[in-house]
Amino acid sequence: MGWGHPTGGGGQYGGPDPSSGYTGQNVLGFDLAGDYANNIGQRHLTTRHINCHLIQHTRLAFWRTPAAQMRPKSFQSSLVLGLG
């Protein structure tokens, strides 16, 4: 897993990877130079605590490239824990 500027490579399963982030140059991804290998296993991205207790109607939003969906046996999920 890496953080950086993607090259726009890949495309064996779906379209090529993006050549920049959705809102900036960098992205978090498995292989920033193209298609990722088979059987890479489960990966996690965890942030430090984000204190939202004074904010109303908070929501988590992220963008992902649809090319990853087309790789066989590939899936993504999100988990948000709220500590009331």
N, C-alpha and C. Protein backbone atom coordinates (compact mmCIF):
# COMPACT_ATOMS: atom_id res chain seq x y z
N MET A 1 0.85 -1.17 0.00
CA MET A 1 0.00 0.00 0.00
C MET A 1 0.90 1.23 0.00
N GLY A 2 0.51 2.23 -0.76
CA GLY A 2 1.33 3.42 -0.84
C GLY A 2 0.51 4.69 -0.89
N TRP A 3 1.17 5.79 -0.59
CA TRP A 3 0.60 7.12 -0.67
C TRP A 3 1.47 7.91 -1.64
N GLY A 4 0.87 8.46 -2.66
CA GLY A 4 1.66 9.23 -3.61
C GLY A 4 0.88 9.57 -4.86
N HIS A 5 1.61 9.88 -5.89
CA HIS A 5 1.05 10.30 -7.17
C HIS A 5 0.92 9.08 -8.08
N PRO A 6 -0.31 8.67 -8.47
CA PRO A 6 -0.47 7.52 -9.34
C PRO A 6 -0.02 7.82 -10.77
N THR A 7 0.40 6.79 -11.48
CA THR A 7 0.94 6.97 -12.83
C THR A 7 -0.10 6.87 -13.94
N GLY A 8 -1.31 6.38 -13.63
CA GLY A 8 -2.31 6.20 -14.67
C GLY A 8 -2.12 4.89 -15.42
N GLY A 9 -1.29 4.00 -14.87
CA GLY A 9 -1.03 2.71 -15.51
C GLY A 9 -2.13 1.70 -15.25
N GLY A 10 -1.85 0.45 -15.55
CA GLY A 10 -2.82 -0.61 -15.34
C GLY A 10 -3.84 -0.67 -16.46
N GLY A 11 -4.96 -1.31 -16.17
CA GLY A 11 -6.03 -1.41 -17.14
C GLY A 11 -6.31 -2.82 -17.61
N GLN A 12 -5.60 -3.81 -17.06
CA GLN A 12 -5.88 -5.20 -17.47
C GLN A 12 -7.29 -5.59 -17.08
N TYR A 13 -7.77 -5.10 -15.94
CA TYR A 13 -9.14 -5.38 -15.47
C TYR A 13 -9.88 -4.05 -15.39
N GLY A 14 -10.57 -3.67 -16.44
CA GLY A 14 -11.26 -2.40 -16.47
C GLY A 14 -10.38 -1.32 -17.07
N GLY A 15 -10.71 -0.09 -16.78
CA GLY A 15 -9.94 1.03 -17.32
C GLY A 15 -8.63 1.24 -16.58
N PRO A 16 -7.79 2.12 -17.08
CA PRO A 16 -6.53 2.39 -16.39
C PRO A 16 -6.77 3.13 -15.08
N ASP A 17 -5.77 3.09 -14.21
CA ASP A 17 -5.84 3.81 -12.94
C ASP A 17 -5.86 5.31 -13.20
N PRO A 18 -6.31 6.09 -12.24
CA PRO A 18 -6.28 7.55 -12.42
C PRO A 18 -4.84 8.06 -12.43
N SER A 19 -4.64 9.24 -12.97
CA SER A 19 -3.30 9.83 -13.00
C SER A 19 -3.14 10.91 -11.93
N SER A 20 -4.16 11.08 -11.10
CA SER A 20 -4.08 11.99 -9.94
C SER A 20 -5.20 11.62 -8.98
N GLY A 21 -5.18 12.24 -7.82
CA GLY A 21 -6.25 12.04 -6.85
C GLY A 21 -7.51 12.78 -7.27
N TYR A 22 -8.60 12.50 -6.60
CA TYR A 22 -9.88 13.14 -6.92
C TYR A 22 -9.87 14.62 -6.55
N THR A 23 -9.24 14.96 -5.42
CA THR A 23 -9.21 16.36 -4.97
C THR A 23 -7.78 16.90 -4.84
N GLY A 24 -6.82 16.19 -5.35
CA GLY A 24 -5.42 16.61 -5.28
C GLY A 24 -4.56 15.64 -6.07
N GLN A 25 -3.26 15.78 -5.99
CA GLN A 25 -2.36 14.93 -6.77
C GLN A 25 -2.20 13.52 -6.21
N ASN A 26 -2.27 13.34 -4.89
CA ASN A 26 -1.93 12.06 -4.27
C ASN A 26 -3.14 11.19 -3.97
N VAL A 27 -2.88 9.89 -3.86
CA VAL A 27 -3.90 8.91 -3.52
C VAL A 27 -3.29 7.88 -2.57
N LEU A 28 -4.15 7.11 -1.92
CA LEU A 28 -3.73 5.94 -1.17
C LEU A 28 -4.15 4.74 -2.00
N GLY A 29 -3.23 3.86 -2.33
CA GLY A 29 -3.57 2.73 -3.19
C GLY A 29 -2.62 1.57 -3.02
N PHE A 30 -2.98 0.44 -3.62
CA PHE A 30 -2.18 -0.78 -3.52
C PHE A 30 -0.97 -0.76 -4.44
N ASP A 31 -1.14 -0.27 -5.65
CA ASP A 31 -0.04 -0.21 -6.61
C ASP A 31 -0.22 1.04 -7.44
N LEU A 32 0.55 2.05 -7.17
CA LEU A 32 0.38 3.35 -7.84
C LEU A 32 0.91 3.35 -9.26
N ALA A 33 1.56 2.26 -9.68
CA ALA A 33 2.12 2.18 -11.04
C ALA A 33 1.28 1.33 -11.98
N GLY A 34 0.18 0.73 -11.52
CA GLY A 34 -0.64 -0.08 -12.41
C GLY A 34 -1.44 -1.11 -11.66
N ASP A 35 -1.72 -2.24 -12.32
CA ASP A 35 -2.53 -3.30 -11.73
C ASP A 35 -1.81 -3.92 -10.53
N TYR A 36 -2.57 -4.24 -9.49
CA TYR A 36 -1.98 -4.91 -8.33
C TYR A 36 -1.97 -6.42 -8.55
N ALA A 37 -1.12 -7.11 -7.80
CA ALA A 37 -0.93 -8.55 -7.95
C ALA A 37 -2.15 -9.32 -7.44
N ASN A 38 -2.25 -10.58 -7.84
CA ASN A 38 -3.30 -11.46 -7.32
C ASN A 38 -3.01 -11.81 -5.86
N ASN A 39 -4.08 -12.13 -5.14
CA ASN A 39 -3.98 -12.66 -3.77
C ASN A 39 -3.16 -11.77 -2.84
N ILE A 40 -3.42 -10.47 -2.85
CA ILE A 40 -2.66 -9.58 -1.99
C ILE A 40 -3.16 -9.59 -0.55
N GLY A 41 -4.29 -10.22 -0.30
CA GLY A 41 -4.83 -10.28 1.05
C GLY A 41 -5.55 -9.00 1.44
N GLN A 42 -6.09 -9.02 2.62
CA GLN A 42 -6.86 -7.89 3.12
C GLN A 42 -5.92 -6.78 3.60
N ARG A 43 -6.26 -5.55 3.31
CA ARG A 43 -5.48 -4.38 3.71
C ARG A 43 -6.39 -3.41 4.47
N HIS A 44 -5.82 -2.64 5.37
CA HIS A 44 -6.59 -1.69 6.16
C HIS A 44 -5.98 -0.30 6.10
N LEU A 45 -6.81 0.68 6.12
CA LEU A 45 -6.41 2.07 6.28
C LEU A 45 -7.11 2.56 7.54
N THR A 46 -6.33 2.98 8.52
CA THR A 46 -6.88 3.42 9.79
C THR A 46 -6.38 4.82 10.10
N THR A 47 -7.27 5.70 10.48
CA THR A 47 -6.88 7.05 10.87
C THR A 47 -6.84 7.14 12.39
N ARG A 48 -6.23 8.19 12.85
CA ARG A 48 -6.30 8.47 14.28
C ARG A 48 -7.72 8.92 14.60
N HIS A 49 -8.03 9.09 15.86
CA HIS A 49 -9.35 9.51 16.31
C HIS A 49 -9.73 10.85 15.67
N ILE A 50 -10.93 10.93 15.11
CA ILE A 50 -11.44 12.17 14.55
C ILE A 50 -12.62 12.59 15.42
N ASN A 51 -12.44 13.65 16.18
CA ASN A 51 -13.43 14.10 17.13
C ASN A 51 -14.51 14.91 16.42
N CYS A 52 -15.72 14.38 16.36
CA CYS A 52 -16.84 15.04 15.68
C CYS A 52 -17.97 15.37 16.64
N HIS A 53 -17.72 15.34 17.94
CA HIS A 53 -18.83 15.46 18.88
C HIS A 53 -19.51 16.84 18.87
N LEU A 54 -18.89 17.85 18.34
CA LEU A 54 -19.53 19.16 18.25
C LEU A 54 -20.08 19.45 16.86
N ILE A 55 -20.06 18.47 15.99
CA ILE A 55 -20.51 18.64 14.61
C ILE A 55 -21.79 17.86 14.39
N GLN A 56 -22.78 18.47 13.77
CA GLN A 56 -24.02 17.79 13.45
C GLN A 56 -24.01 17.32 12.00
N HIS A 57 -24.73 16.25 11.73
CA HIS A 57 -24.90 15.70 10.38
C HIS A 57 -23.56 15.36 9.73
N THR A 58 -22.68 14.73 10.48
CA THR A 58 -21.36 14.33 9.98
C THR A 58 -21.51 13.16 9.02
N ARG A 59 -20.72 13.15 7.97
CA ARG A 59 -20.74 12.02 7.05
C ARG A 59 -19.32 11.76 6.53
N LEU A 60 -19.07 10.53 6.20
CA LEU A 60 -17.81 10.10 5.62
C LEU A 60 -18.01 9.99 4.11
N ALA A 61 -17.14 10.61 3.34
CA ALA A 61 -17.22 10.53 1.89
C ALA A 61 -15.84 10.22 1.34
N PHE A 62 -15.78 9.34 0.36
CA PHE A 62 -14.53 9.02 -0.30
C PHE A 62 -14.81 8.66 -1.74
N TRP A 63 -13.80 8.70 -2.57
CA TRP A 63 -13.93 8.36 -3.98
C TRP A 63 -12.99 7.22 -4.28
N ARG A 64 -13.44 6.28 -5.06
CA ARG A 64 -12.57 5.17 -5.48
C ARG A 64 -12.72 4.96 -6.96
N THR A 65 -11.68 4.46 -7.57
CA THR A 65 -11.74 4.22 -9.01
C THR A 65 -12.54 2.96 -9.29
N PRO A 66 -13.45 2.97 -10.25
CA PRO A 66 -14.26 1.79 -10.53
C PRO A 66 -13.46 0.64 -11.15
N ALA A 67 -12.25 0.87 -11.62
CA ALA A 67 -11.47 -0.21 -12.23
C ALA A 67 -11.22 -1.34 -11.26
N ALA A 68 -11.06 -1.04 -9.97
CA ALA A 68 -10.79 -2.08 -8.97
C ALA A 68 -11.97 -3.03 -8.83
N GLN A 69 -13.17 -2.56 -9.07
CA GLN A 69 -14.35 -3.42 -8.94
C GLN A 69 -14.35 -4.55 -9.95
N MET A 70 -13.69 -4.39 -11.05
CA MET A 70 -13.80 -5.35 -12.13
C MET A 70 -12.81 -6.51 -12.01
N ARG A 71 -11.84 -6.42 -11.11
CA ARG A 71 -10.88 -7.50 -10.92
C ARG A 71 -11.59 -8.66 -10.23
N PRO A 72 -11.41 -9.89 -10.70
CA PRO A 72 -12.07 -11.03 -10.06
C PRO A 72 -11.74 -11.13 -8.57
N LYS A 73 -12.74 -11.42 -7.77
CA LYS A 73 -12.61 -11.60 -6.32
C LYS A 73 -12.09 -10.35 -5.61
N SER A 74 -12.37 -9.18 -6.14
CA SER A 74 -11.93 -7.93 -5.54
C SER A 74 -13.12 -7.21 -4.95
N PHE A 75 -12.98 -6.69 -3.74
CA PHE A 75 -14.05 -5.92 -3.15
C PHE A 75 -13.48 -4.90 -2.18
N GLN A 76 -14.27 -3.88 -1.89
CA GLN A 76 -13.91 -2.83 -0.97
C GLN A 76 -15.02 -2.67 0.05
N SER A 77 -14.67 -2.24 1.24
CA SER A 77 -15.68 -1.97 2.25
C SER A 77 -15.17 -0.88 3.18
N SER A 78 -16.10 -0.27 3.94
CA SER A 78 -15.75 0.76 4.91
C SER A 78 -16.39 0.41 6.24
N LEU A 79 -15.69 0.74 7.31
CA LEU A 79 -16.20 0.53 8.65
C LEU A 79 -15.96 1.80 9.43
N VAL A 80 -17.02 2.37 9.98
CA VAL A 80 -16.91 3.56 10.81
C VAL A 80 -17.43 3.20 12.19
N LEU A 81 -16.62 3.45 13.20
CA LEU A 81 -17.03 3.16 14.58
C LEU A 81 -17.42 4.46 15.27
N GLY A 82 -18.58 4.50 15.83
CA GLY A 82 -19.02 5.66 16.59
C GLY A 82 -19.03 5.33 18.08
N LEU A 83 -18.40 6.16 18.85
CA LEU A 83 -18.32 5.92 20.29
C LEU A 83 -19.18 6.93 21.03
N GLY A 84 -20.49 6.97 20.65
CA GLY A 84 -21.52 7.78 21.20
C GLY A 84 -21.17 8.84 22.12
